[in-house]
Protein backbone atom coordinates (compact mmCIF):
# COMPACT_ATOMS: atom_id res chain seq x y z
CA MET A 1 -18.32 -5.12 -28.12
CA GLU A 2 -21.48 -4.95 -25.97
CA TYR A 3 -21.33 -6.98 -22.93
CA SER A 4 -24.49 -8.92 -23.79
CA LEU A 5 -23.13 -9.87 -27.09
CA LEU A 6 -19.90 -11.03 -25.64
CA VAL A 7 -21.56 -13.23 -23.09
CA GLN A 8 -23.55 -14.93 -25.93
CA LYS A 9 -20.37 -15.58 -27.72
CA ILE A 10 -18.95 -17.22 -24.58
CA ILE A 11 -21.98 -19.36 -24.28
CA ASP A 12 -21.74 -20.39 -27.95
CA GLN A 13 -18.03 -21.08 -27.50
CA TYR A 14 -18.75 -23.36 -24.51
CA LYS A 15 -21.60 -25.10 -26.46
CA ASN A 16 -19.15 -25.80 -29.33
CA GLY A 17 -16.53 -27.20 -26.77
CA LEU A 18 -14.04 -24.66 -27.76
CA PRO A 19 -11.54 -23.21 -25.11
CA PHE A 20 -12.05 -19.67 -23.72
CA ALA A 21 -10.94 -17.54 -20.97
CA PHE A 22 -11.77 -14.08 -19.62
CA TYR A 23 -10.94 -11.92 -16.73
CA ALA A 24 -11.60 -8.63 -15.05
CA LEU A 25 -8.81 -6.90 -13.05
CA PRO A 26 -9.54 -5.78 -9.42
CA GLY A 27 -11.74 -2.66 -9.31
CA ASP A 28 -11.98 -2.75 -13.16
CA ASP A 29 -15.37 -2.90 -15.09
CA ASN A 30 -13.79 -4.07 -18.24
CA LEU A 31 -13.61 -7.71 -19.45
CA VAL A 32 -10.87 -9.18 -21.64
CA CYS A 33 -11.87 -12.35 -23.31
CA TYR A 34 -9.95 -14.98 -25.29
CA LEU A 35 -11.97 -17.18 -27.72
CA GLN A 36 -9.71 -19.86 -28.91
CA LYS A 37 -10.40 -20.96 -32.59
CA ASP A 38 -9.72 -24.68 -32.16
CA LYS A 39 -9.76 -27.38 -29.33
CA MET A 40 -5.92 -27.73 -29.38
CA ALA A 41 -4.36 -27.89 -25.86
CA HIS A 42 -1.47 -25.41 -25.63
CA HIS A 43 1.10 -25.73 -22.90
CA VAL A 44 3.69 -23.18 -21.88
CA VAL A 45 7.19 -23.73 -20.48
CA SER A 46 8.43 -20.13 -20.80
CA PHE A 47 6.35 -16.98 -21.30
CA THR A 48 7.39 -16.03 -24.86
CA ASP A 49 3.89 -15.45 -26.27
CA ASN A 50 0.84 -13.30 -25.25
CA GLY A 51 -2.20 -14.92 -23.95
CA MET A 52 -3.72 -16.29 -20.77
CA VAL A 53 -2.32 -19.00 -18.46
CA LEU A 54 -3.60 -21.34 -15.98
CA ALA A 55 -0.92 -22.94 -14.00
CA PRO A 56 -1.17 -25.90 -11.30
CA PHE A 57 -0.09 -25.90 -7.75
CA ASN A 58 2.44 -28.43 -8.50
CA SER A 59 4.98 -26.83 -10.88
CA GLU A 60 6.07 -30.22 -12.18
CA LYS A 61 2.73 -30.53 -14.01
CA GLU A 62 1.90 -28.72 -17.19
CA LYS A 63 0.72 -25.08 -17.38
CA TYR A 64 -2.26 -24.43 -19.86
CA PHE A 65 -2.28 -21.56 -22.15
CA ILE A 66 -4.57 -19.91 -24.57
CA PRO A 67 -2.52 -17.95 -26.96
CA THR A 68 -3.64 -14.49 -28.21
CA GLU A 69 -2.42 -15.41 -31.84
CA LYS A 70 -4.81 -18.43 -31.81
CA SER A 71 -7.74 -16.67 -30.46
CA GLU A 72 -10.25 -13.94 -31.07
CA VAL A 73 -9.55 -11.36 -28.33
CA ILE A 74 -12.45 -9.17 -27.31
CA ARG A 75 -12.75 -6.38 -24.78
CA SER A 76 -15.98 -5.19 -23.27
CA GLU A 77 -17.10 -2.88 -20.49
CA PHE A 78 -19.92 -3.92 -18.17
CA ILE A 79 -22.08 -1.98 -15.96
CA SER A 80 -21.38 -3.27 -12.33
CA GLU A 81 -24.17 -3.74 -9.86
CA LYS A 82 -23.72 -4.34 -6.09
CA LEU A 83 -25.03 -7.70 -5.08
CA PRO A 84 -25.61 -8.59 -1.39
CA LEU A 85 -23.54 -11.26 0.23
CA GLU A 86 -25.78 -13.88 1.85
CA GLU A 87 -25.04 -16.31 4.68
CA LEU A 88 -25.10 -19.72 3.07
CA THR A 89 -24.97 -23.12 4.73
CA ILE A 90 -23.91 -26.34 3.23
CA THR A 91 -24.00 -29.99 4.61
CA GLU A 92 -20.57 -31.11 5.84
CA ALA A 93 -19.86 -34.75 6.83
CA ALA A 94 -18.35 -35.35 10.23
CA LYS A 95 -15.69 -37.61 8.74
CA ASP A 96 -14.50 -34.61 6.53
CA ARG A 97 -14.19 -32.48 9.64
CA ILE A 98 -12.31 -35.17 11.53
CA ARG A 99 -9.96 -35.80 8.64
CA HIS A 100 -9.10 -32.06 8.13
CA GLU A 101 -8.60 -31.54 11.90
CA GLN A 102 -6.22 -34.52 11.94
CA LEU A 103 -4.39 -32.94 8.94
CA VAL A 104 -3.92 -29.71 10.86
CA THR A 105 -2.83 -31.62 13.93
CA ASP A 106 -0.14 -33.46 11.76
CA ALA A 107 1.07 -30.09 10.27
CA LYS A 108 1.41 -28.64 14.04
CA ILE A 109 3.43 -31.73 15.00
CA ALA A 110 5.84 -31.16 12.04
CA ILE A 111 6.11 -27.42 13.10
CA GLN A 112 6.72 -28.17 16.67
CA GLN A 113 9.48 -30.52 15.48
CA ARG A 114 11.01 -27.53 13.76
CA LYS A 115 10.73 -28.96 10.22
CA ALA A 116 8.60 -26.00 9.24
CA HIS A 117 7.47 -22.54 10.34
CA LYS A 118 4.25 -22.68 8.51
CA ILE A 119 2.25 -25.25 6.34
CA VAL A 120 -0.82 -24.53 4.32
CA VAL A 121 -3.28 -27.37 4.37
CA SER A 122 -6.50 -27.52 2.25
CA ARG A 123 -9.41 -29.68 1.47
CA SER A 124 -11.98 -30.05 -1.40
CA LYS A 125 -15.69 -30.09 -1.21
CA LYS A 126 -17.73 -31.58 -4.07
CA VAL A 127 -21.40 -30.64 -4.50
CA GLN A 128 -23.99 -31.70 -7.18
CA LEU A 129 -25.19 -28.97 -9.54
CA LYS A 130 -28.29 -28.29 -11.57
CA PRO A 131 -27.72 -27.38 -15.10
CA ILE A 132 -25.56 -24.33 -15.11
CA GLU A 133 -26.27 -20.96 -16.90
CA LEU A 134 -23.03 -19.44 -17.89
CA ASP A 135 -24.46 -15.80 -18.19
CA ARG A 136 -25.65 -15.91 -14.56
CA ILE A 137 -22.33 -17.37 -13.16
CA ILE A 138 -20.48 -14.55 -14.98
CA TYR A 139 -22.90 -11.99 -13.78
CA ARG A 140 -22.61 -13.12 -10.13
CA LEU A 141 -18.81 -13.50 -10.33
CA LEU A 142 -18.26 -10.06 -11.60
CA ASN A 143 -20.52 -8.35 -9.19
CA LEU A 144 -20.15 -10.18 -5.98
CA PHE A 145 -16.38 -9.48 -5.81
CA PRO A 146 -15.55 -6.31 -7.61
CA ASP A 147 -12.20 -5.80 -5.83
CA ALA A 148 -10.87 -9.32 -6.73
CA PHE A 149 -9.32 -10.77 -9.93
CA ARG A 150 -12.29 -12.44 -11.52
CA TYR A 151 -12.04 -15.04 -14.33
CA VAL A 152 -13.65 -17.91 -15.96
CA TRP A 153 -11.50 -20.54 -17.83
CA PHE A 154 -12.57 -23.47 -19.97
CA HIS A 155 -10.83 -26.19 -21.97
CA PRO A 156 -12.13 -29.58 -22.68
CA GLU A 157 -9.18 -31.14 -20.84
CA THR A 158 -9.59 -28.94 -17.79
CA GLY A 159 -13.29 -28.40 -17.33
CA ILE A 160 -14.52 -24.99 -16.16
CA TRP A 161 -12.56 -23.18 -13.53
CA CYS A 162 -13.75 -19.87 -12.08
CA GLY A 163 -12.58 -17.71 -9.28
CA ALA A 164 -12.39 -14.32 -7.46
CA SER A 165 -8.77 -14.09 -6.21
CA PRO A 166 -7.68 -11.49 -3.67
CA GLU A 167 -3.99 -12.45 -4.00
CA LEU A 168 -1.60 -10.98 -6.58
CA LEU A 169 1.32 -13.31 -7.47
CA VAL A 170 3.03 -10.89 -9.51
CA LYS A 171 2.44 -7.76 -11.82
CA THR A 172 5.25 -6.74 -14.13
CA ASP A 173 5.64 -3.38 -15.82
CA GLY A 174 8.89 -3.38 -17.69
CA ILE A 175 11.53 -3.93 -15.04
CA ALA A 176 9.21 -2.81 -12.23
CA PHE A 177 7.26 -5.47 -10.33
CA SER A 178 4.73 -5.81 -7.49
CA THR A 179 3.48 -8.69 -5.36
CA MET A 180 1.79 -9.06 -1.94
CA ALA A 181 2.07 -11.05 1.22
CA LEU A 182 -1.47 -12.16 2.17
CA ALA A 183 -2.10 -14.30 5.27
CA GLY A 184 -4.39 -14.55 8.21
CA THR A 185 -8.15 -14.89 7.82
CA LYS A 186 -11.01 -13.52 9.79
CA LYS A 187 -14.71 -13.60 9.02
CA ILE A 188 -16.19 -10.11 8.84
CA GLY A 189 -19.50 -8.11 9.18
CA GLY A 190 -20.30 -4.57 8.82
CA HIS A 191 -17.38 -2.00 8.86
CA PHE A 192 -15.69 -3.26 12.01
CA GLU A 193 -11.92 -3.87 11.96
CA PRO A 194 -10.96 -7.44 12.68
CA ASP A 195 -9.36 -8.28 15.86
CA TRP A 196 -6.10 -9.86 14.71
CA THR A 197 -4.51 -12.22 17.07
CA SER A 198 -0.84 -13.24 17.46
CA LYS A 199 -1.49 -16.35 15.39
CA GLU A 200 -2.57 -14.26 12.31
CA ILE A 201 0.17 -11.60 12.86
CA THR A 202 2.86 -14.20 13.15
CA GLU A 203 1.63 -16.06 10.07
CA GLN A 204 1.64 -12.88 8.02
CA GLU A 205 5.26 -12.09 9.26
CA TYR A 206 6.41 -15.60 8.02
CA VAL A 207 4.93 -14.92 4.61
CA THR A 208 6.35 -11.57 4.14
CA GLU A 209 9.83 -12.61 5.31
CA ALA A 210 9.87 -15.71 3.00
CA ILE A 211 8.74 -13.68 -0.03
CA THR A 212 11.30 -10.95 0.46
CA ASP A 213 14.06 -13.57 1.12
CA CYS A 214 13.30 -15.41 -2.15
CA LEU A 215 13.11 -12.17 -4.20
CA GLN A 216 16.62 -11.07 -3.23
CA LYS A 217 18.25 -12.99 -5.98
CA VAL A 218 16.13 -11.50 -8.83
CA THR A 219 15.59 -7.95 -7.73
CA SER A 220 17.91 -4.89 -7.35
CA ILE A 221 15.39 -2.87 -5.16
CA ILE A 222 12.64 -4.04 -2.78
CA LYS A 223 10.18 -1.94 -0.82
CA ILE A 224 7.84 -3.22 1.81
CA SER A 225 4.59 -1.41 2.69
CA ARG A 226 2.98 -1.41 6.14
CA THR A 227 0.52 -4.23 6.76
CA VAL A 228 -3.15 -3.43 6.40
CA THR A 229 -6.47 -5.21 6.46
CA HIS A 230 -7.63 -6.39 3.03
CA ARG A 231 -11.32 -7.27 2.70
CA ALA A 232 -12.23 -10.20 0.28
CA GLY A 233 -15.94 -10.79 0.19
CA PRO A 234 -17.03 -12.40 3.58
CA VAL A 235 -13.53 -12.67 4.95
CA ALA A 236 -10.49 -10.35 5.73
CA HIS A 237 -6.75 -10.97 5.48
CA LEU A 238 -3.57 -9.17 6.50
CA ARG A 239 -1.89 -7.77 3.37
CA THR A 240 1.63 -6.31 2.93
CA ASP A 241 2.47 -4.97 -0.56
CA ILE A 242 6.02 -5.61 -1.83
CA THR A 243 7.29 -3.65 -4.91
CA GLY A 244 10.64 -3.25 -6.60
CA ILE A 245 12.89 -3.31 -9.58
CA LEU A 246 13.91 -6.57 -11.34
CA LYS A 247 17.69 -7.17 -12.14
CA LYS A 248 18.43 -6.25 -15.70
CA GLY A 249 18.99 -9.16 -17.87
CA LYS A 250 18.45 -11.61 -15.02
CA ALA A 251 14.94 -11.52 -14.10
CA THR A 252 11.96 -12.29 -16.41
CA LEU A 253 8.35 -13.17 -15.68
CA ASP A 254 9.51 -16.81 -15.96
CA THR A 255 12.15 -16.42 -13.23
CA ILE A 256 10.05 -14.25 -10.89
CA SER A 257 6.86 -16.56 -11.10
CA GLU A 258 9.21 -19.60 -10.54
CA THR A 259 10.87 -17.82 -7.64
CA LEU A 260 7.45 -16.94 -6.02
CA HIS A 261 5.35 -19.90 -6.76
CA PRO A 262 4.13 -21.57 -4.71
CA THR A 263 3.95 -18.72 -2.25
CA PRO A 264 4.25 -19.15 1.54
CA ALA A 265 0.59 -18.04 1.56
CA VAL A 266 -0.58 -21.27 -0.27
CA CYS A 267 2.18 -23.64 0.55
CA GLY A 268 4.26 -22.76 3.64
CA THR A 269 7.82 -22.04 4.75
CA PRO A 270 10.34 -23.59 4.08
CA GLN A 271 8.74 -24.21 0.71
CA LYS A 272 10.45 -27.54 0.03
CA PHE A 273 9.29 -29.31 3.21
CA ALA A 274 5.89 -27.69 3.13
CA LYS A 275 5.27 -28.80 -0.48
CA GLU A 276 6.40 -32.37 0.31
CA PHE A 277 4.02 -32.41 3.25
CA ILE A 278 1.08 -31.24 1.19
CA LEU A 279 1.63 -33.67 -1.64
CA GLU A 280 2.02 -36.58 0.73
CA LYS A 281 -0.68 -35.80 3.39
CA GLU A 282 -3.52 -33.88 1.85
CA GLY A 283 -4.97 -36.89 0.05
CA TYR A 284 -6.29 -35.14 -3.13
CA ASP A 285 -4.99 -33.42 -6.23
CA ARG A 286 -5.21 -29.58 -5.76
CA GLU A 287 -4.91 -29.42 -9.62
CA PHE A 288 -5.13 -25.58 -10.40
CA TYR A 289 -6.30 -24.44 -6.94
CA THR A 290 -3.38 -22.44 -5.45
CA GLY A 291 -1.66 -22.39 -8.85
CA PHE A 292 -1.84 -19.17 -10.70
CA VAL A 293 -3.82 -17.56 -13.53
CA GLY A 294 -3.78 -14.34 -15.52
CA PRO A 295 -2.78 -12.49 -18.72
CA VAL A 296 0.68 -12.46 -20.08
CA ASN A 297 1.67 -9.66 -22.36
CA ARG A 298 5.26 -9.80 -23.52
CA LYS A 299 4.96 -6.90 -26.00
CA ASP A 300 5.08 -4.22 -23.25
CA SER A 301 6.13 -6.58 -20.39
CA ASN A 302 2.91 -5.75 -18.64
CA SER A 303 1.54 -8.97 -17.15
CA PHE A 304 -0.75 -9.87 -14.28
CA LEU A 305 -0.53 -13.33 -12.44
CA PHE A 306 -2.88 -14.00 -9.65
CA VAL A 307 -2.82 -16.84 -7.12
CA ASN A 308 -5.81 -19.14 -7.88
CA LEU A 309 -7.74 -18.83 -4.62
CA ARG A 310 -11.42 -18.57 -3.97
CA CYS A 311 -11.97 -20.86 -6.96
CA ALA A 312 -14.03 -23.82 -8.08
CA LYS A 313 -14.06 -26.41 -10.77
CA ILE A 314 -17.09 -27.35 -12.76
CA GLU A 315 -17.25 -30.51 -14.63
CA GLU A 316 -19.79 -33.29 -15.32
CA GLY A 317 -22.50 -31.75 -13.23
CA MET A 318 -20.36 -31.37 -10.23
CA ALA A 319 -18.68 -28.35 -8.53
CA SER A 320 -15.39 -28.86 -6.59
CA PHE A 321 -14.75 -26.11 -3.95
CA TYR A 322 -11.29 -25.63 -2.61
CA VAL A 323 -10.41 -24.03 0.68
CA GLY A 324 -7.44 -24.03 3.15
CA GLY A 325 -5.53 -22.27 5.76
CA GLY A 326 -1.97 -21.57 7.10
CA ILE A 327 -0.97 -23.62 10.09
CA THR A 328 1.52 -22.41 12.63
CA SER A 329 2.35 -23.57 16.18
CA ASP A 330 -0.54 -21.60 17.46
CA SER A 331 -3.20 -23.04 15.26
CA ILE A 332 -6.22 -24.74 16.81
CA PRO A 333 -7.62 -27.62 14.65
CA GLU A 334 -11.34 -26.66 15.32
CA SER A 335 -10.73 -23.08 14.44
CA GLU A 336 -8.96 -24.14 11.18
CA TRP A 337 -12.03 -26.08 10.27
CA VAL A 338 -14.33 -23.14 10.80
CA GLU A 339 -11.96 -20.96 8.80
CA THR A 340 -12.34 -23.33 5.84
CA GLN A 341 -16.09 -23.14 6.24
CA ASN A 342 -15.81 -19.31 6.09
CA LYS A 343 -13.83 -19.37 2.88
CA LEU A 344 -16.31 -21.69 1.17
CA GLN A 345 -18.75 -18.76 1.29
CA SER A 346 -17.07 -17.06 -1.59
CA MET A 347 -17.76 -19.44 -4.32
CA LEU A 348 -21.02 -20.65 -2.73
CA GLN A 349 -22.28 -17.20 -3.31
CA VAL A 350 -21.45 -17.47 -7.02
CA LEU A 351 -22.88 -21.00 -7.63
CA HIS A 352 -25.60 -21.30 -5.03
CA PRO A 353 -28.52 -20.84 -7.67
CA PHE A 354 -27.23 -24.08 -9.14
CA LEU A 355 -26.66 -26.21 -6.07
CA LYS A 356 -28.87 -29.25 -5.70
């Protein structure tokens, strides 16, 4: 189907209050869209059907699912256009900065007491919107971040979620799998390589080690790449690719996603303490931020799940932006605040035509 016709079908779907989801894989100029035929809320416990999933950070809450069999599934190619990234500013309240820096300090204290190696803390920022135009949001999302996993999801129960994630949770292809350790953040400009400090390098090592350790029980082979700089819009991260073979009969998409989620890159390590700290101290519900999103294809065991980063929620004339950072013993609260401001840039780029 032609791109313009598909976008119009998405707009009509939204006007009718019907669920939909679409995605484009990193580096790909093809859209896959699910237009659900009714307003029913589908939840998934195990991945036994084909469709698209949106899962929350807190795995005790329900995963939403748009099943292929309940939807019209349309594929379309779009012509990509390079859009410039602008330096955008947004008003931040002093009390929000103080609160986030205190949260970072509390996390550092817990780490210094040897309760954790790393804790990922985050915050949300709400901004009023003018009436949105879905076609412009889709166009900007697809073209601003061509190397990310780009998606838009809508259900009457969830509102609109959209994002451009740089982080793969897991890709499966038969019994082969791939994932990544992504940590450390630097604002970038031009083509210069970021000057990575011991804080970012140590954080990346914690993430890589924690992921490989937890994968031991569900894999028979694991290979770890060298660490490289991964550019994601206005910021860069340290990235290590992890590939391997799943244990026959013992590992499924369910078990490997449960093993990995939430990753050390969005929660911390050890996972149990870091998650308890987040749920107790952050003071807001992450909902689907730092959960995962992506297409599930059981027919050929070829599925892609991405960590839901660089995302925003749109509901009732408001946009909620979500940003965070990994805290280690070397973290500086003031620098962590600046890092969240840098990460805000991604979704601000997408939605700034509609900001009041």
